[in-house]
PDB file of all heavy atoms in Angstrom:
ATOM      1  N   ALA A   1      13.366  19.937   0.504  1.00  0.00           N
ATOM      2  CA  ALA A   1      14.341  19.940   1.590  1.00  0.00           C
ATOM      3  C   ALA A   1      13.648  19.491   2.874  1.00  0.00           C
ATOM      4  O   ALA A   1      12.767  20.195   3.387  1.00  0.00           O
ATOM      5  CB  ALA A   1      14.948  21.325   1.774  1.00  0.00           C
ATOM      6  N   LEU A   2      14.024  18.332   3.368  1.00  0.00           N
ATOM      7  CA  LEU A   2      13.431  17.800   4.588  1.00  0.00           C
ATOM      8  C   LEU A   2      14.301  18.163   5.784  1.00  0.00           C
ATOM      9  O   LEU A   2      15.498  17.842   5.803  1.00  0.00           O
ATOM     10  CB  LEU A   2      13.291  16.276   4.505  1.00  0.00           C
ATOM     11  CG  LEU A   2      12.412  15.731   3.373  1.00  0.00           C
ATOM     12  CD1 LEU A   2      12.360  14.202   3.450  1.00  0.00           C
ATOM     13  CD2 LEU A   2      11.014  16.309   3.434  1.00  0.00           C
ATOM     14  N   HIS A   3      13.711  18.795   6.767  1.00  0.00           N
ATOM     15  CA  HIS A   3      14.452  19.104   7.987  1.00  0.00           C
ATOM     16  C   HIS A   3      14.758  17.825   8.772  1.00  0.00           C
ATOM     17  O   HIS A   3      14.170  16.773   8.532  1.00  0.00           O
ATOM     18  CB  HIS A   3      13.651  20.083   8.857  1.00  0.00           C
ATOM     19  CG  HIS A   3      12.318  19.542   9.318  1.00  0.00           C
ATOM     20  ND1 HIS A   3      12.196  18.585  10.309  1.00  0.00           N
ATOM     21  CD2 HIS A   3      11.049  19.825   8.926  1.00  0.00           C
ATOM     22  CE1 HIS A   3      10.926  18.306  10.511  1.00  0.00           C
ATOM     23  NE2 HIS A   3      10.203  19.049   9.671  1.00  0.00           N
ATOM     24  N   GLY A   4      15.680  17.925   9.715  1.00  0.00           N
ATOM     25  CA  GLY A   4      16.006  16.795  10.559  1.00  0.00           C
ATOM     26  C   GLY A   4      15.106  16.713  11.778  1.00  0.00           C
ATOM     27  O   GLY A   4      14.189  17.531  11.966  1.00  0.00           O
ATOM     28  N   CYS A   5      15.363  15.720  12.621  1.00  0.00           N
ATOM     29  CA  CYS A   5      14.639  15.611  13.885  1.00  0.00           C
ATOM     30  C   CYS A   5      14.878  16.878  14.714  1.00  0.00           C
ATOM     31  O   CYS A   5      15.976  17.437  14.707  1.00  0.00           O
ATOM     32  CB  CYS A   5      15.123  14.393  14.669  1.00  0.00           C
ATOM     33  SG  CYS A   5      14.902  12.814  13.831  1.00  0.00           S
ATOM     34  N   GLN A   6      13.838  17.337  15.390  1.00  0.00           N
ATOM     35  CA  GLN A   6      13.882  18.526  16.242  1.00  0.00           C
ATOM     36  C   GLN A   6      14.253  19.791  15.455  1.00  0.00           C
ATOM     37  O   GLN A   6      14.792  20.736  16.015  1.00  0.00           O
ATOM     38  CB  GLN A   6      14.854  18.334  17.411  1.00  0.00           C
ATOM     39  CG  GLN A   6      14.516  17.132  18.287  1.00  0.00           C
ATOM     40  CD  GLN A   6      15.425  16.987  19.478  1.00  0.00           C
ATOM     41  OE1 GLN A   6      15.348  17.762  20.417  1.00  0.00           O
ATOM     42  NE2 GLN A   6      16.293  15.983  19.454  1.00  0.00           N
ATOM     43  N   GLN A   7      13.958  19.797  14.151  1.00  0.00           N
ATOM     44  CA  GLN A   7      14.279  20.964  13.330  1.00  0.00           C
ATOM     45  C   GLN A   7      13.065  21.556  12.621  1.00  0.00           C
ATOM     46  O   GLN A   7      13.212  22.463  11.805  1.00  0.00           O
ATOM     47  CB  GLN A   7      15.338  20.609  12.279  1.00  0.00           C
ATOM     48  CG  GLN A   7      16.740  20.465  12.822  1.00  0.00           C
ATOM     49  CD  GLN A   7      17.768  20.334  11.715  1.00  0.00           C
ATOM     50  OE1 GLN A   7      17.516  19.715  10.674  1.00  0.00           O
ATOM     51  NE2 GLN A   7      18.934  20.914  11.932  1.00  0.00           N
ATOM     52  N   GLY A   8      11.877  21.050  12.921  1.00  0.00           N
ATOM     53  CA  GLY A   8      10.689  21.613  12.301  1.00  0.00           C
ATOM     54  C   GLY A   8      10.429  23.030  12.762  1.00  0.00           C
ATOM     55  O   GLY A   8      10.966  23.501  13.780  1.00  0.00           O
ATOM     56  N   ALA A   9       9.592  23.732  12.037  1.00  0.00           N
ATOM     57  CA  ALA A   9       9.309  25.133  12.350  1.00  0.00           C
ATOM     58  C   ALA A   9       8.650  25.290  13.717  1.00  0.00           C
ATOM     59  O   ALA A   9       8.808  26.330  14.367  1.00  0.00           O
ATOM     60  CB  ALA A   9       8.420  25.741  11.269  1.00  0.00           C
ATOM     61  N   ALA A  10       7.930  24.266  14.180  1.00  0.00           N
ATOM     62  CA  ALA A  10       7.314  24.345  15.500  1.00  0.00           C
ATOM     63  C   ALA A  10       8.367  24.430  16.601  1.00  0.00           C
ATOM     64  O   ALA A  10       8.082  24.916  17.700  1.00  0.00           O
ATOM     65  CB  ALA A  10       6.417  23.124  15.729  1.00  0.00           C
ATOM     66  N   VAL A  11       9.587  23.979  16.304  1.00  0.00           N
ATOM     67  CA  VAL A  11      10.683  24.007  17.273  1.00  0.00           C
ATOM     68  C   VAL A  11      11.640  25.168  16.994  1.00  0.00           C
ATOM     69  O   VAL A  11      12.024  25.908  17.897  1.00  0.00           O
ATOM     70  CB  VAL A  11      11.463  22.676  17.263  1.00  0.00           C
ATOM     71  CG1 VAL A  11      12.642  22.720  18.236  1.00  0.00           C
ATOM     72  CG2 VAL A  11      10.540  21.514  17.608  1.00  0.00           C
ATOM     73  N   LEU A  12      12.022  25.329  15.722  1.00  0.00           N
ATOM     74  CA  LEU A  12      13.082  26.284  15.367  1.00  0.00           C
ATOM     75  C   LEU A  12      12.586  27.553  14.706  1.00  0.00           C
ATOM     76  O   LEU A  12      13.403  28.419  14.375  1.00  0.00           O
ATOM     77  CB  LEU A  12      14.096  25.615  14.423  1.00  0.00           C
ATOM     78  CG  LEU A  12      14.873  24.410  14.935  1.00  0.00           C
ATOM     79  CD1 LEU A  12      15.933  24.003  13.917  1.00  0.00           C
ATOM     80  CD2 LEU A  12      15.522  24.694  16.287  1.00  0.00           C
ATOM     81  N   GLY A  13      11.293  27.689  14.505  1.00  0.00           N
ATOM     82  CA  GLY A  13      10.839  28.837  13.716  1.00  0.00           C
ATOM     83  C   GLY A  13      11.377  28.722  12.296  1.00  0.00           C
ATOM     84  O   GLY A  13      11.312  27.653  11.681  1.00  0.00           O
ATOM     85  N   ASP A  14      11.970  29.804  11.767  1.00  0.00           N
ATOM     86  CA  ASP A  14      12.415  29.784  10.370  1.00  0.00           C
ATOM     87  C   ASP A  14      13.895  29.422  10.214  1.00  0.00           C
ATOM     88  O   ASP A  14      14.458  29.577   9.130  1.00  0.00           O
ATOM     89  CB  ASP A  14      12.141  31.135   9.702  1.00  0.00           C
ATOM     90  CG  ASP A  14      13.038  32.263  10.235  1.00  0.00           C
ATOM     91  OD1 ASP A  14      13.738  32.054  11.253  1.00  0.00           O
ATOM     92  OD2 ASP A  14      13.027  33.348   9.631  1.00  0.00           O
ATOM     93  N   ARG A  15      14.534  28.924  11.260  1.00  0.00           N
ATOM     94  CA  ARG A  15      15.989  28.736  11.203  1.00  0.00           C
ATOM     95  C   ARG A  15      16.413  27.689  10.178  1.00  0.00           C
ATOM     96  O   ARG A  15      17.499  27.784   9.612  1.00  0.00           O
ATOM     97  CB  ARG A  15      16.533  28.374  12.587  1.00  0.00           C
ATOM     98  CG  ARG A  15      16.396  29.523  13.566  1.00  0.00           C
ATOM     99  CD  ARG A  15      16.940  29.188  14.927  1.00  0.00           C
ATOM    100  NE  ARG A  15      18.398  29.138  14.957  1.00  0.00           N
ATOM    101  CZ  ARG A  15      19.107  28.991  16.063  1.00  0.00           C
ATOM    102  NH1 ARG A  15      18.492  28.869  17.233  1.00  0.00           N
ATOM    103  NH2 ARG A  15      20.422  28.957  16.011  1.00  0.00           N
ATOM    104  N   PHE A  16      15.574  26.682   9.931  1.00  0.00           N
ATOM    105  CA  PHE A  16      15.930  25.712   8.892  1.00  0.00           C
ATOM    106  C   PHE A  16      15.522  26.224   7.518  1.00  0.00           C
ATOM    107  O   PHE A  16      16.351  26.288   6.606  1.00  0.00           O
ATOM    108  CB  PHE A  16      15.291  24.349   9.151  1.00  0.00           C
ATOM    109  CG  PHE A  16      15.709  23.316   8.132  1.00  0.00           C
ATOM    110  CD1 PHE A  16      16.880  22.602   8.285  1.00  0.00           C
ATOM    111  CD2 PHE A  16      14.943  23.089   6.989  1.00  0.00           C
ATOM    112  CE1 PHE A  16      17.283  21.672   7.326  1.00  0.00           C
ATOM    113  CE2 PHE A  16      15.332  22.166   6.028  1.00  0.00           C
ATOM    114  CZ  PHE A  16      16.510  21.454   6.201  1.00  0.00           C
ATOM    115  N   TYR A  17      14.281  26.618   7.359  1.00  0.00           N
ATOM    116  CA  TYR A  17      13.827  26.962   6.009  1.00  0.00           C
ATOM    117  C   TYR A  17      14.282  28.338   5.545  1.00  0.00           C
ATOM    118  O   TYR A  17      14.120  28.683   4.382  1.00  0.00           O
ATOM    119  CB  TYR A  17      12.309  26.801   5.878  1.00  0.00           C
ATOM    120  CG  TYR A  17      11.441  27.765   6.634  1.00  0.00           C
ATOM    121  CD1 TYR A  17      11.234  29.071   6.199  1.00  0.00           C
ATOM    122  CD2 TYR A  17      10.763  27.360   7.788  1.00  0.00           C
ATOM    123  CE1 TYR A  17      10.416  29.947   6.877  1.00  0.00           C
ATOM    124  CE2 TYR A  17       9.927  28.222   8.481  1.00  0.00           C
ATOM    125  CZ  TYR A  17       9.762  29.518   8.016  1.00  0.00           C
ATOM    126  OH  TYR A  17       8.930  30.379   8.703  1.00  0.00           O
ATOM    127  N   ASN A  18      14.894  29.098   6.434  1.00  0.00           N
ATOM    128  CA  ASN A  18      15.330  30.427   6.039  1.00  0.00           C
ATOM    129  C   ASN A  18      16.791  30.700   6.401  1.00  0.00           C
ATOM    130  O   ASN A  18      17.252  31.828   6.245  1.00  0.00           O
ATOM    131  CB  ASN A  18      14.438  31.486   6.692  1.00  0.00           C
ATOM    132  CG  ASN A  18      14.417  32.795   5.941  1.00  0.00           C
ATOM    133  OD1 ASN A  18      14.669  32.849   4.740  1.00  0.00           O
ATOM    134  ND2 ASN A  18      14.119  33.877   6.648  1.00  0.00           N
ATOM    135  N   GLY A  19      17.509  29.652   6.864  1.00  0.00           N
ATOM    136  CA  GLY A  19      18.856  29.919   7.330  1.00  0.00           C
ATOM    137  C   GLY A  19      19.883  28.847   7.053  1.00  0.00           C
ATOM    138  O   GLY A  19      20.936  28.819   7.704  1.00  0.00           O
ATOM    139  N   THR A  20      19.618  27.981   6.083  1.00  0.00           N
ATOM    140  CA  THR A  20      20.574  26.906   5.796  1.00  0.00           C
ATOM    141  C   THR A  20      21.108  26.933   4.369  1.00  0.00           C
ATOM    142  O   THR A  20      21.688  25.947   3.906  1.00  0.00           O
ATOM    143  CB  THR A  20      19.938  25.529   6.094  1.00  0.00           C
ATOM    144  OG1 THR A  20      18.654  25.436   5.458  1.00  0.00           O
ATOM    145  CG2 THR A  20      19.759  25.329   7.601  1.00  0.00           C
ATOM    146  N   GLY A  21      20.937  28.052   3.664  1.00  0.00           N
ATOM    147  CA  GLY A  21      21.601  28.250   2.378  1.00  0.00           C
ATOM    148  C   GLY A  21      20.852  27.810   1.146  1.00  0.00           C
ATOM    149  O   GLY A  21      21.275  28.143   0.025  1.00  0.00           O
ATOM    150  N   TYR A  22      19.752  27.080   1.300  1.00  0.00           N
ATOM    151  CA  TYR A  22      19.017  26.608   0.127  1.00  0.00           C
ATOM    152  C   TYR A  22      18.473  27.774  -0.703  1.00  0.00           C
ATOM    153  O   TYR A  22      18.498  27.740  -1.935  1.00  0.00           O
ATOM    154  CB  TYR A  22      17.834  25.729   0.554  1.00  0.00           C
ATOM    155  CG  TYR A  22      18.200  24.345   1.011  1.00  0.00           C
ATOM    156  CD1 TYR A  22      18.329  24.047   2.361  1.00  0.00           C
ATOM    157  CD2 TYR A  22      18.397  23.322   0.090  1.00  0.00           C
ATOM    158  CE1 TYR A  22      18.644  22.771   2.786  1.00  0.00           C
ATOM    159  CE2 TYR A  22      18.708  22.039   0.503  1.00  0.00           C
ATOM    160  CZ  TYR A  22      18.835  21.768   1.855  1.00  0.00           C
ATOM    161  OH  TYR A  22      19.156  20.503   2.272  1.00  0.00           O
ATOM    162  N   ASN A  23      17.962  28.784  -0.033  1.00  0.00           N
ATOM    163  CA  ASN A  23      17.252  29.848  -0.743  1.00  0.00           C
ATOM    164  C   ASN A  23      18.184  30.697  -1.608  1.00  0.00           C
ATOM    165  O   ASN A  23      17.800  31.136  -2.701  1.00  0.00           O
ATOM    166  CB  ASN A  23      16.503  30.723   0.259  1.00  0.00           C
ATOM    167  CG  ASN A  23      15.522  29.922   1.088  1.00  0.00           C
ATOM    168  OD1 ASN A  23      15.067  28.858   0.677  1.00  0.00           O
ATOM    169  ND2 ASN A  23      15.194  30.416   2.272  1.00  0.00           N
ATOM    170  N   GLN A  24      19.405  30.906  -1.139  1.00  0.00           N
ATOM    171  CA  GLN A  24      20.362  31.672  -1.943  1.00  0.00           C
ATOM    172  C   GLN A  24      20.712  30.915  -3.229  1.00  0.00           C
ATOM    173  O   GLN A  24      20.891  31.530  -4.288  1.00  0.00           O
ATOM    174  CB  GLN A  24      21.629  31.950  -1.123  1.00  0.00           C
ATOM    175  CG  GLN A  24      21.445  32.995  -0.039  1.00  0.00           C
ATOM    176  CD  GLN A  24      20.839  32.437   1.238  1.00  0.00           C
ATOM    177  OE1 GLN A  24      20.388  31.304   1.289  1.00  0.00           O
ATOM    178  NE2 GLN A  24      20.854  33.252   2.292  1.00  0.00           N
ATOM    179  N   TYR A  25      20.830  29.590  -3.143  1.00  0.00           N
ATOM    180  CA  TYR A  25      21.030  28.783  -4.359  1.00  0.00           C
ATOM    181  C   TYR A  25      19.821  28.913  -5.279  1.00  0.00           C
ATOM    182  O   TYR A  25      19.950  29.091  -6.495  1.00  0.00           O
ATOM    183  CB  TYR A  25      21.264  27.319  -3.992  1.00  0.00           C
ATOM    184  CG  TYR A  25      21.255  26.397  -5.197  1.00  0.00           C
ATOM    185  CD1 TYR A  25      22.437  26.071  -5.853  1.00  0.00           C
ATOM    186  CD2 TYR A  25      20.056  25.886  -5.702  1.00  0.00           C
ATOM    187  CE1 TYR A  25      22.417  25.252  -6.980  1.00  0.00           C
ATOM    188  CE2 TYR A  25      20.033  25.073  -6.821  1.00  0.00           C
ATOM    189  CZ  TYR A  25      21.219  24.765  -7.451  1.00  0.00           C
ATOM    190  OH  TYR A  25      21.199  23.957  -8.570  1.00  0.00           O
ATOM    191  N   ALA A  26      18.634  28.810  -4.693  1.00  0.00           N
ATOM    192  CA  ALA A  26      17.405  28.820  -5.485  1.00  0.00           C
ATOM    193  C   ALA A  26      17.267  30.089  -6.304  1.00  0.00           C
ATOM    194  O   ALA A  26      16.796  30.060  -7.448  1.00  0.00           O
ATOM    195  CB  ALA A  26      16.205  28.655  -4.554  1.00  0.00           C
ATOM    196  N   ASP A  27      17.689  31.219  -5.730  1.00  0.00           N
ATOM    197  CA  ASP A  27      17.520  32.507  -6.399  1.00  0.00           C
ATOM    198  C   ASP A  27      18.205  32.563  -7.755  1.00  0.00           C
ATOM    199  O   ASP A  27      17.712  33.206  -8.680  1.00  0.00           O
ATOM    200  CB  ASP A  27      18.076  33.628  -5.515  1.00  0.00           C
ATOM    201  CG  ASP A  27      16.995  34.301  -4.687  1.00  0.00           C
ATOM    202  OD1 ASP A  27      15.818  34.243  -5.084  1.00  0.00           O
ATOM    203  OD2 ASP A  27      17.327  34.878  -3.638  1.00  0.00           O
ATOM    204  N   THR A  28      19.362  31.933  -7.885  1.00  0.00           N
ATOM    205  CA  THR A  28      20.131  32.043  -9.124  1.00  0.00           C
ATOM    206  C   THR A  28      20.022  30.801 -10.007  1.00  0.00           C
ATOM    207  O   THR A  28      20.660  30.729 -11.052  1.00  0.00           O
ATOM    208  CB  THR A  28      21.619  32.291  -8.802  1.00  0.00           C
ATOM    209  OG1 THR A  28      22.096  31.262  -7.931  1.00  0.00           O
ATOM    210  CG2 THR A  28      21.804  33.650  -8.134  1.00  0.00           C
ATOM    211  N   ASN A  29      19.207  29.836  -9.597  1.00  0.00           N
ATOM    212  CA  ASN A  29      19.118  28.593 -10.358  1.00  0.00           C
ATOM    213  C   ASN A  29      17.680  28.171 -10.658  1.00  0.00           C
ATOM    214  O   ASN A  29      17.417  26.994 -10.895  1.00  0.00           O
ATOM    215  CB  ASN A  29      19.842  27.476  -9.590  1.00  0.00           C
ATOM    216  CG  ASN A  29      21.347  27.643  -9.631  1.00  0.00           C
ATOM    217  OD1 ASN A  29      22.001  27.298 -10.602  1.00  0.00           O
ATOM    218  ND2 ASN A  29      21.896  28.198  -8.547  1.00  0.00           N
ATOM    219  N   ARG A  30      16.779  29.153 -10.670  1.00  0.00           N
ATOM    220  CA  ARG A  30      15.381  28.907 -11.038  1.00  0.00           C
ATOM    221  C   ARG A  30      14.842  27.653 -10.349  1.00  0.00           C
ATOM    222  O   ARG A  30      14.380  26.711 -11.002  1.00  0.00           O
ATOM    223  CB  ARG A  30      15.219  28.815 -12.553  1.00  0.00           C
ATOM    224  CG  ARG A  30      15.509  30.132 -13.268  1.00  0.00           C
ATOM    225  CD  ARG A  30      15.180  30.064 -14.756  1.00  0.00           C
ATOM    226  NE  ARG A  30      13.796  29.685 -15.012  1.00  0.00           N
ATOM    227  CZ  ARG A  30      12.759  30.500 -14.938  1.00  0.00           C
ATOM    228  NH1 ARG A  30      12.943  31.775 -14.611  1.00  0.00           N
ATOM    229  NH2 ARG A  30      11.534  30.071 -15.195  1.00  0.00           N
ATOM    230  N   THR A  31      14.920  27.667  -9.034  1.00  0.00           N
ATOM    231  CA  THR A  31      14.519  26.516  -8.236  1.00  0.00           C
ATOM    232  C   THR A  31      13.595  26.952  -7.110  1.00  0.00           C
ATOM    233  O   THR A  31      13.943  27.837  -6.317  1.00  0.00           O
ATOM    234  CB  THR A  31      15.749  25.820  -7.623  1.00  0.00           C
ATOM    235  OG1 THR A  31      16.642  25.427  -8.671  1.00  0.00           O
ATOM    236  CG2 THR A  31      15.346  24.588  -6.831  1.00  0.00           C
ATOM    237  N   ILE A  32      12.438  26.345  -7.038  1.00  0.00           N
ATOM    238  CA  ILE A  32      11.565  26.493  -5.873  1.00  0.00           C
ATOM    239  C   ILE A  32      11.999  25.460  -4.840  1.00  0.00           C
ATOM    240  O   ILE A  32      12.254  24.303  -5.178  1.00  0.00           O
ATOM    241  CB  ILE A  32      10.091  26.264  -6.266  1.00  0.00           C
ATOM    242  CG1 ILE A  32       9.614  27.382  -7.202  1.00  0.00           C
ATOM    243  CG2 ILE A  32       9.191  26.180  -5.037  1.00  0.00           C
ATOM    244  CD1 ILE A  32       8.255  27.111  -7.826  1.00  0.00           C
ATOM    245  N   VAL A  33      12.110  25.867  -3.589  1.00  0.00           N
ATOM    246  CA  VAL A  33      12.461  24.924  -2.527  1.00  0.00           C
ATOM    247  C   VAL A  33      11.227  24.695  -1.660  1.00  0.00           C
ATOM    248  O   VAL A  33      10.665  25.639  -1.092  1.00  0.00           O
ATOM    249  CB  VAL A  33      13.621  25.433  -1.649  1.00  0.00           C
ATOM    250  CG1 VAL A  33      14.035  24.351  -0.648  1.00  0.00           C
ATOM    251  CG2 VAL A  33      14.813  25.819  -2.513  1.00  0.00           C
ATOM    252  N   LEU A  34      10.811  23.435  -1.598  1.00  0.00           N
ATOM    253  CA  LEU A  34       9.653  23.051  -0.799  1.00  0.00           C
ATOM    254  C   LEU A  34      10.141  22.545   0.553  1.00  0.00           C
ATOM    255  O   LEU A  34      11.013  21.678   0.620  1.00  0.00           O
ATOM    256  CB  LEU A  34       8.861  21.963  -1.529  1.00  0.00           C
ATOM    257  CG  LEU A  34       7.672  21.347  -0.791  1.00  0.00           C
ATOM    258  CD1 LEU A  34       6.591  22.396  -0.541  1.00  0.00           C
ATOM    259  CD2 LEU A  34       7.114  20.161  -1.588  1.00  0.00           C
ATOM    260  N   TYR A  35       9.569  23.079   1.628  1.00  0.00           N
ATOM    261  CA  TYR A  35       9.951  22.707   2.990  1.00  0.00           C
ATOM    262  C   TYR A  35       8.746  22.101   3.714  1.00  0.00           C
ATOM    263  O   TYR A  35       8.068  22.786   4.490  1.00  0.00           O
ATOM    264  CB  TYR A  35      10.433  23.927   3.771  1.00  0.00           C
ATOM    265  CG  TYR A  35      11.700  24.575   3.269  1.00  0.00           C
ATOM    266  CD1 TYR A  35      11.647  25.722   2.468  1.00  0.00           C
ATOM    267  CD2 TYR A  35      12.952  24.083   3.618  1.00  0.00           C
ATOM    268  CE1 TYR A  35      12.808  26.349   2.030  1.00  0.00           C
ATOM    269  CE2 TYR A  35      14.113  24.695   3.180  1.00  0.00           C
ATOM    270  CZ  TYR A  35      14.035  25.827   2.388  1.00  0.00           C
ATOM    271  OH  TYR A  35      15.194  26.446   1.952  1.00  0.00           O
ATOM    272  N   PRO A  36       8.445  20.824   3.498  1.00  0.00           N
ATOM    273  CA  PRO A  36       7.375  20.186   4.273  1.00  0.00           C
ATOM    274  C   PRO A  36       7.759  20.157   5.753  1.00  0.00           C
ATOM    275  O   PRO A  36       8.939  20.278   6.109  1.00  0.00           O
ATOM    276  CB  PRO A  36       7.306  18.775   3.691  1.00  0.00           C
ATOM    277  CG  PRO A  36       8.102  18.817   2.427  1.00  0.00           C
ATOM    278  CD  PRO A  36       9.118  19.888   2.603  1.00  0.00           C
ATOM    279  N   GLN A  37       6.763  19.968   6.615  1.00  0.00           N
ATOM    280  CA  GLN A  37       7.018  20.057   8.050  1.00  0.00           C
ATOM    281  C   GLN A  37       6.451  18.847   8.801  1.00  0.00           C
ATOM    282  O   GLN A  37       5.245  18.586   8.762  1.00  0.00           O
ATOM    283  CB  GLN A  37       6.397  21.333   8.617  1.00  0.00           C
ATOM    284  CG  GLN A  37       6.987  22.615   8.063  1.00  0.00           C
ATOM    285  CD  GLN A  37       8.418  22.831   8.510  1.00  0.00           C
ATOM    286  OE1 GLN A  37       8.710  22.781   9.704  1.00  0.00           O
ATOM    287  NE2 GLN A  37       9.314  23.066   7.558  1.00  0.00           N
ATOM    288  N   ALA A  38       7.343  18.147   9.484  1.00  0.00           N
ATOM    289  CA  ALA A  38       6.922  17.162  10.475  1.00  0.00           C
ATOM    290  C   ALA A  38       6.841  17.860  11.824  1.00  0.00           C
ATOM    291  O   ALA A  38       7.450  18.909  12.035  1.00  0.00           O
ATOM    292  CB  ALA A  38       7.907  16.000  10.534  1.00  0.00           C
TER     293      ALA A  38
END
């Protein structure tokens, strides 16, 4: 999952990687979500 411009953790903290719904999907679908950071 690639964040958008001005959405990296240095700007938003965990709001993208912990607040956009990916993780709830991952929990029930045996999926690791990788969040690289620009």
